[in-house]
Amino acid sequence: MSTKVNNEFRNEGRKLVVYIAMSLDGYIAKPNNDLSFLSLVEKPGEDYGYQNFILRLTSC
């Protein structure tokens, strides 16, 4: 059940956790949903903490 408190919706039964890449200026994509900036720092075989993130999640 969601309730509205101080103009925010709060879900009282679940917790939402997000794992997302973001540029230093706070954007998650360039115009037209372009994610090419991510390839500038991409290292082959690196998961950037994604496996640890997945392991700490539980589903309800």
C-alpha atoms as a PDB file:
ATOM      1  CA  MET A   1       0.000   0.000   0.000  1.00  0.00           C
ATOM      2  CA  SER A   2       1.382   3.397  -0.956  1.00  0.00           C
ATOM      3  CA  THR A   3       0.694   6.519   1.052  1.00  0.00           C
ATOM      4  CA  LYS A   4       1.403  10.128   0.202  1.00  0.00           C
ATOM      5  CA  VAL A   5       3.445  11.997   2.817  1.00  0.00           C
ATOM      6  CA  ASN A   6       4.801  15.502   2.179  1.00  0.00           C
ATOM      7  CA  ASN A   7       4.236  15.132  -1.587  1.00  0.00           C
ATOM      8  CA  GLU A   8       6.199  11.849  -1.639  1.00  0.00           C
ATOM      9  CA  PHE A   9       4.770   8.406  -2.186  1.00  0.00           C
ATOM     10  CA  ARG A  10       5.995   5.793   0.245  1.00  0.00           C
ATOM     11  CA  ASN A  11       5.453   2.101  -0.182  1.00  0.00           C
ATOM     12  CA  GLU A  12       4.997   0.566   3.231  1.00  0.00           C
ATOM     13  CA  GLY A  13       5.676  -3.023   2.202  1.00  0.00           C
ATOM     14  CA  ARG A  14       8.619  -2.958  -0.181  1.00  0.00           C
ATOM     15  CA  LYS A  15      11.947  -1.270  -0.594  1.00  0.00           C
ATOM     16  CA  LEU A  16      13.051  -0.139  -4.044  1.00  0.00           C
ATOM     17  CA  VAL A  17      16.780  -0.432  -4.756  1.00  0.00           C
ATOM     18  CA  VAL A  18      18.265   0.929  -7.989  1.00  0.00           C
ATOM     19  CA  TYR A  19      21.658   0.242  -9.549  1.00  0.00           C
ATOM     20  CA  ILE A  20      22.429   2.754 -12.255  1.00  0.00           C
ATOM     21  CA  ALA A  21      25.386   4.325 -14.037  1.00  0.00           C
ATOM     22  CA  MET A  22      25.557   8.090 -13.958  1.00  0.00           C
ATOM     23  CA  SER A  23      27.914  10.716 -15.323  1.00  0.00           C
ATOM     24  CA  LEU A  24      29.640  13.136 -12.954  1.00  0.00           C
ATOM     25  CA  ASP A  25      27.174  15.870 -13.907  1.00  0.00           C
ATOM     26  CA  GLY A  26      24.262  13.684 -12.780  1.00  0.00           C
ATOM     27  CA  TYR A  27      22.896  12.429 -16.085  1.00  0.00           C
ATOM     28  CA  ILE A  28      22.084   8.797 -16.791  1.00  0.00           C
ATOM     29  CA  ALA A  29      22.035   9.235 -20.584  1.00  0.00           C
ATOM     30  CA  LYS A  30      22.862  11.801 -23.223  1.00  0.00           C
ATOM     31  CA  PRO A  31      20.127  13.203 -25.478  1.00  0.00           C
ATOM     32  CA  ASN A  32      18.338  10.518 -27.515  1.00  0.00           C
ATOM     33  CA  ASN A  33      19.120   7.924 -24.799  1.00  0.00           C
ATOM     34  CA  ASP A  34      22.777   7.741 -25.908  1.00  0.00           C
ATOM     35  CA  LEU A  35      24.900   5.742 -23.445  1.00  0.00           C
ATOM     36  CA  SER A  36      28.158   5.934 -25.401  1.00  0.00           C
ATOM     37  CA  PHE A  37      29.842   7.917 -22.598  1.00  0.00           C
ATOM     38  CA  LEU A  38      29.956   4.711 -20.551  1.00  0.00           C
ATOM     39  CA  SER A  39      32.421   3.138 -22.986  1.00  0.00           C
ATOM     40  CA  LEU A  40      34.987   5.806 -22.070  1.00  0.00           C
ATOM     41  CA  VAL A  41      35.613   4.143 -18.688  1.00  0.00           C
ATOM     42  CA  GLU A  42      34.582   0.563 -19.458  1.00  0.00           C
ATOM     43  CA  LYS A  43      37.126  -2.120 -18.561  1.00  0.00           C
ATOM     44  CA  PRO A  44      36.767  -5.645 -20.012  1.00  0.00           C
ATOM     45  CA  GLY A  45      35.632  -8.131 -17.362  1.00  0.00           C
ATOM     46  CA  GLU A  46      34.807  -5.465 -14.760  1.00  0.00           C
ATOM     47  CA  ASP A  47      31.306  -5.627 -13.279  1.00  0.00           C
ATOM     48  CA  TYR A  48      31.624  -2.373 -11.265  1.00  0.00           C
ATOM     49  CA  GLY A  49      30.088  -3.908  -8.147  1.00  0.00           C
ATOM     50  CA  TYR A  50      27.016  -5.309  -9.890  1.00  0.00           C
ATOM     51  CA  GLN A  51      27.514  -8.859  -8.572  1.00  0.00           C
ATOM     52  CA  ASN A  52      27.770  -7.606  -4.981  1.00  0.00           C
ATOM     53  CA  PHE A  53      24.666  -5.495  -5.541  1.00  0.00           C
ATOM     54  CA  ILE A  54      22.656  -8.491  -6.811  1.00  0.00           C
ATOM     55  CA  LEU A  55      23.814 -10.728  -3.963  1.00  0.00           C
ATOM     56  CA  ARG A  56      22.434  -8.378  -1.302  1.00  0.00           C
ATOM     57  CA  LEU A  57      18.963  -8.215  -2.819  1.00  0.00           C
ATOM     58  CA  THR A  58      16.034 -10.337  -1.766  1.00  0.00           C
ATOM     59  CA  SER A  59      12.720 -10.735  -3.509  1.00  0.00           C
ATOM     60  CA  CYS A  60       9.362 -10.656  -1.785  1.00  0.00           C
END
